Amino acid sequence: VVELGEELAHAVELRQLGDAEGRAVSLLTGHGLMLVARNYRCRGGEIDLVMDDRDTVVFVEVRSRRSREFGSAAESVGRTKQSRVIRAARCLIAARPKLAERPMRFDVVAISRGRGHNAIEWIKDAFRP
């Protein structure tokens, strides 16, 4: 067994998240948020990232687009996707009732990549239940 230093282990873990989620985690942790869970799934929904922003539980949807042909990454988080994230958040809260005692919000990290442009946008409080 090879033990990795904490920083190297974190870098390996981010690579395993996938490019978009890894970039989102880097952005959010760079702003002081802490990763609580990733890819939480339950019947009818999924949350890409669950973060801790001081006293607030943040449910994060990460979207990435290589082309704007069908709209931006942020625009792709429509009502159906929002409903699935909200449903998964309710499942997580039911499984961890202590979370219900804290303020919550739903954020979107939208990553646009393409010819000549790379942009990452963090939309706080992007939608509400």
C-alpha atoms as a PDB file:
ATOM      1  CA  VAL A   1       0.000   0.000   0.000  1.00  0.00           C
ATOM      2  CA  VAL A   2       1.367   3.376  -0.999  1.00  0.00           C
ATOM      3  CA  GLU A   3       0.316   6.262   1.191  1.00  0.00           C
ATOM      4  CA  LEU A   4      -0.225   9.509  -0.651  1.00  0.00           C
ATOM      5  CA  GLY A   5       0.376  12.874   0.900  1.00  0.00           C
ATOM      6  CA  GLU A   6      -2.861  14.747   1.630  1.00  0.00           C
ATOM      7  CA  GLU A   7      -2.392  17.173  -1.290  1.00  0.00           C
ATOM      8  CA  LEU A   8      -1.577  14.403  -3.775  1.00  0.00           C
ATOM      9  CA  ALA A   9      -4.502  12.284  -2.572  1.00  0.00           C
ATOM     10  CA  HIS A  10      -6.793  15.305  -3.040  1.00  0.00           C
ATOM     11  CA  ALA A  11      -5.455  15.864  -6.580  1.00  0.00           C
ATOM     12  CA  VAL A  12      -6.032  12.199  -7.479  1.00  0.00           C
ATOM     13  CA  GLU A  13      -9.539  12.377  -6.029  1.00  0.00           C
ATOM     14  CA  LEU A  14     -10.348  15.486  -8.100  1.00  0.00           C
ATOM     15  CA  ARG A  15      -9.118  13.791 -11.278  1.00  0.00           C
ATOM     16  CA  GLN A  16     -11.457  10.896 -10.556  1.00  0.00           C
ATOM     17  CA  LEU A  17     -14.386  13.304 -10.316  1.00  0.00           C
ATOM     18  CA  GLY A  18     -14.075  14.156 -13.967  1.00  0.00           C
ATOM     19  CA  ASP A  19     -12.872  17.353 -15.507  1.00  0.00           C
ATOM     20  CA  ALA A  20     -15.991  19.492 -14.937  1.00  0.00           C
ATOM     21  CA  GLU A  21     -16.665  18.378 -11.367  1.00  0.00           C
ATOM     22  CA  GLY A  22     -12.976  18.643 -10.516  1.00  0.00           C
ATOM     23  CA  ARG A  23     -12.892  22.218 -11.783  1.00  0.00           C
ATOM     24  CA  ALA A  24     -16.056  23.021  -9.836  1.00  0.00           C
ATOM     25  CA  VAL A  25     -14.613  21.583  -6.609  1.00  0.00           C
ATOM     26  CA  SER A  26     -11.413  23.573  -7.129  1.00  0.00           C
ATOM     27  CA  LEU A  27     -13.389  26.775  -7.678  1.00  0.00           C
ATOM     28  CA  LEU A  28     -15.631  26.278  -4.663  1.00  0.00           C
ATOM     29  CA  THR A  29     -12.938  25.130  -2.243  1.00  0.00           C
ATOM     30  CA  GLY A  30     -10.868  28.102  -3.410  1.00  0.00           C
ATOM     31  CA  HIS A  31     -13.706  30.281  -2.120  1.00  0.00           C
ATOM     32  CA  GLY A  32     -13.725  28.576   1.267  1.00  0.00           C
ATOM     33  CA  LEU A  33     -16.422  25.924   0.774  1.00  0.00           C
ATOM     34  CA  MET A  34     -15.781  22.367   1.953  1.00  0.00           C
ATOM     35  CA  LEU A  35     -16.734  19.225   0.044  1.00  0.00           C
ATOM     36  CA  VAL A  36     -19.252  17.120   1.989  1.00  0.00           C
ATOM     37  CA  ALA A  37     -20.389  14.610  -0.655  1.00  0.00           C
ATOM     38  CA  ARG A  38     -20.263  14.035  -4.376  1.00  0.00           C
ATOM     39  CA  ASN A  39     -22.549  12.257  -6.803  1.00  0.00           C
ATOM     40  CA  TYR A  40     -25.240  11.618  -4.199  1.00  0.00           C
ATOM     41  CA  ARG A  41     -27.978   9.522  -5.776  1.00  0.00           C
ATOM     42  CA  CYS A  42     -31.378   8.430  -4.676  1.00  0.00           C
ATOM     43  CA  ARG A  43     -34.524   7.329  -6.430  1.00  0.00           C
ATOM     44  CA  GLY A  44     -35.510  10.084  -8.814  1.00  0.00           C
ATOM     45  CA  GLY A  45     -32.557  12.405  -8.401  1.00  0.00           C
ATOM     46  CA  GLU A  46     -28.859  13.138  -8.131  1.00  0.00           C
ATOM     47  CA  ILE A  47     -26.702  15.905  -6.701  1.00  0.00           C
ATOM     48  CA  ASP A  48     -23.275  16.433  -8.227  1.00  0.00           C
ATOM     49  CA  LEU A  49     -21.728  18.110  -5.175  1.00  0.00           C
ATOM     50  CA  VAL A  50     -22.810  18.838  -1.632  1.00  0.00           C
ATOM     51  CA  MET A  51     -20.712  21.601  -0.092  1.00  0.00           C
ATOM     52  CA  ASP A  52     -20.498  23.324   3.270  1.00  0.00           C
ATOM     53  CA  ASP A  53     -20.398  27.130   3.064  1.00  0.00           C
ATOM     54  CA  ARG A  54     -19.841  28.030   6.734  1.00  0.00           C
ATOM     55  CA  ASP A  55     -23.321  27.445   8.178  1.00  0.00           C
ATOM     56  CA  THR A  56     -25.085  26.773   4.848  1.00  0.00           C
ATOM     57  CA  VAL A  57     -25.517  23.428   3.076  1.00  0.00           C
ATOM     58  CA  VAL A  58     -25.016  23.994  -0.656  1.00  0.00           C
ATOM     59  CA  PHE A  59     -26.341  21.575  -3.271  1.00  0.00           C
ATOM     60  CA  VAL A  60     -24.415  22.106  -6.514  1.00  0.00           C
ATOM     61  CA  GLU A  61     -25.345  21.109 -10.040  1.00  0.00           C
ATOM     62  CA  VAL A  62     -22.309  21.094 -12.350  1.00  0.00           C
ATOM     63  CA  ARG A  63     -22.919  21.522 -16.070  1.00  0.00           C
ATOM     64  CA  SER A  64     -20.420  21.609 -18.890  1.00  0.00           C
ATOM     65  CA  ARG A  65     -20.890  22.446 -22.554  1.00  0.00           C
ATOM     66  CA  ARG A  66     -18.452  22.382 -25.443  1.00  0.00           C
ATOM     67  CA  SER A  67     -20.775  24.274 -27.733  1.00  0.00           C
ATOM     68  CA  ARG A  68     -23.448  26.930 -27.292  1.00  0.00           C
ATOM     69  CA  GLU A  69     -25.392  25.417 -30.190  1.00  0.00           C
ATOM     70  CA  PHE A  70     -28.093  24.160 -27.816  1.00  0.00           C
ATOM     71  CA  GLY A  71     -27.721  26.897 -25.205  1.00  0.00           C
ATOM     72  CA  SER A  72     -25.234  27.655 -22.476  1.00  0.00           C
ATOM     73  CA  ALA A  73     -24.270  25.300 -19.676  1.00  0.00           C
ATOM     74  CA  ALA A  74     -26.288  27.384 -17.203  1.00  0.00           C
ATOM     75  CA  GLU A  75     -29.348  27.364 -19.477  1.00  0.00           C
ATOM     76  CA  SER A  76     -29.260  23.569 -19.551  1.00  0.00           C
ATOM     77  CA  VAL A  77     -30.355  23.411 -15.893  1.00  0.00           C
ATOM     78  CA  GLY A  78     -34.063  23.549 -16.658  1.00  0.00           C
ATOM     79  CA  ARG A  79     -37.094  22.831 -14.503  1.00  0.00           C
ATOM     80  CA  THR A  80     -36.817  19.049 -14.899  1.00  0.00           C
ATOM     81  CA  LYS A  81     -33.188  18.991 -13.793  1.00  0.00           C
ATOM     82  CA  GLN A  82     -33.928  21.383 -10.933  1.00  0.00           C
ATOM     83  CA  SER A  83     -36.727  19.091  -9.750  1.00  0.00           C
ATOM     84  CA  ARG A  84     -34.379  16.089  -9.734  1.00  0.00           C
ATOM     85  CA  VAL A  85     -31.756  17.959  -7.714  1.00  0.00           C
ATOM     86  CA  ILE A  86     -34.395  19.159  -5.243  1.00  0.00           C
ATOM     87  CA  ARG A  87     -35.776  15.617  -4.919  1.00  0.00           C
ATOM     88  CA  ALA A  88     -32.291  14.269  -4.193  1.00  0.00           C
ATOM     89  CA  ALA A  89     -31.692  17.033  -1.630  1.00  0.00           C
ATOM     90  CA  ARG A  90     -34.895  16.021   0.159  1.00  0.00           C
ATOM     91  CA  CYS A  91     -33.698  12.387   0.214  1.00  0.00           C
ATOM     92  CA  LEU A  92     -30.348  13.426   1.655  1.00  0.00           C
ATOM     93  CA  ILE A  93     -32.045  15.555   4.318  1.00  0.00           C
ATOM     94  CA  ALA A  94     -34.305  12.639   5.231  1.00  0.00           C
ATOM     95  CA  ALA A  95     -31.210  10.435   5.612  1.00  0.00           C
ATOM     96  CA  ARG A  96     -29.335  13.103   7.591  1.00  0.00           C
ATOM     97  CA  PRO A  97     -31.972  15.058   9.564  1.00  0.00           C
ATOM     98  CA  LYS A  98     -29.344  17.333  11.167  1.00  0.00           C
ATOM     99  CA  LEU A  99     -28.956  19.009   7.761  1.00  0.00           C
ATOM    100  CA  ALA A 100     -32.529  20.291   8.000  1.00  0.00           C
ATOM    101  CA  GLU A 101     -31.473  22.509  10.901  1.00  0.00           C
ATOM    102  CA  ARG A 102     -29.160  24.529   8.638  1.00  0.00           C
ATOM    103  CA  PRO A 103     -29.856  27.047   5.881  1.00  0.00           C
ATOM    104  CA  MET A 104     -29.668  25.557   2.373  1.00  0.00           C
ATOM    105  CA  ARG A 105     -29.245  26.815  -1.145  1.00  0.00           C
ATOM    106  CA  PHE A 106     -28.979  25.442  -4.671  1.00  0.00           C
ATOM    107  CA  ASP A 107     -26.044  26.630  -6.788  1.00  0.00           C
ATOM    108  CA  VAL A 108     -24.989  25.928 -10.363  1.00  0.00           C
ATOM    109  CA  VAL A 109     -21.435  25.822 -11.655  1.00  0.00           C
ATOM    110  CA  ALA A 110     -21.559  26.244 -15.427  1.00  0.00           C
ATOM    111  CA  ILE A 111     -18.481  25.475 -17.499  1.00  0.00           C
ATOM    112  CA  SER A 112     -18.314  26.500 -21.142  1.00  0.00           C
ATOM    113  CA  ARG A 113     -15.487  25.201 -23.281  1.00  0.00           C
ATOM    114  CA  GLY A 114     -14.908  25.566 -26.942  1.00  0.00           C
ATOM    115  CA  ARG A 115     -12.870  27.126 -29.651  1.00  0.00           C
ATOM    116  CA  GLY A 116     -11.103  30.082 -28.173  1.00  0.00           C
ATOM    117  CA  HIS A 117     -13.059  30.275 -24.935  1.00  0.00           C
ATOM    118  CA  ASN A 118     -13.101  28.620 -21.555  1.00  0.00           C
ATOM    119  CA  ALA A 119     -15.351  30.051 -18.888  1.00  0.00           C
ATOM    120  CA  ILE A 120     -16.529  28.929 -15.486  1.00  0.00           C
ATOM    121  CA  GLU A 121     -19.481  30.620 -13.821  1.00  0.00           C
ATOM    122  CA  TRP A 122     -20.681  30.087 -10.253  1.00  0.00           C
ATOM    123  CA  ILE A 123     -24.331  30.987  -9.835  1.00  0.00           C
ATOM    124  CA  LYS A 124     -25.221  31.170  -6.147  1.00  0.00           C
ATOM    125  CA  ASP A 125     -28.820  30.498  -5.196  1.00  0.00           C
ATOM    126  CA  ALA A 126     -29.572  29.600  -8.821  1.00  0.00           C
ATOM    127  CA  PHE A 127     -32.987  28.107  -8.052  1.00  0.00           C
ATOM    128  CA  ARG A 128     -35.291  27.385  -5.137  1.00  0.00           C
ATOM    129  CA  PRO A 129     -37.612  24.529  -4.230  1.00  0.00           C
END
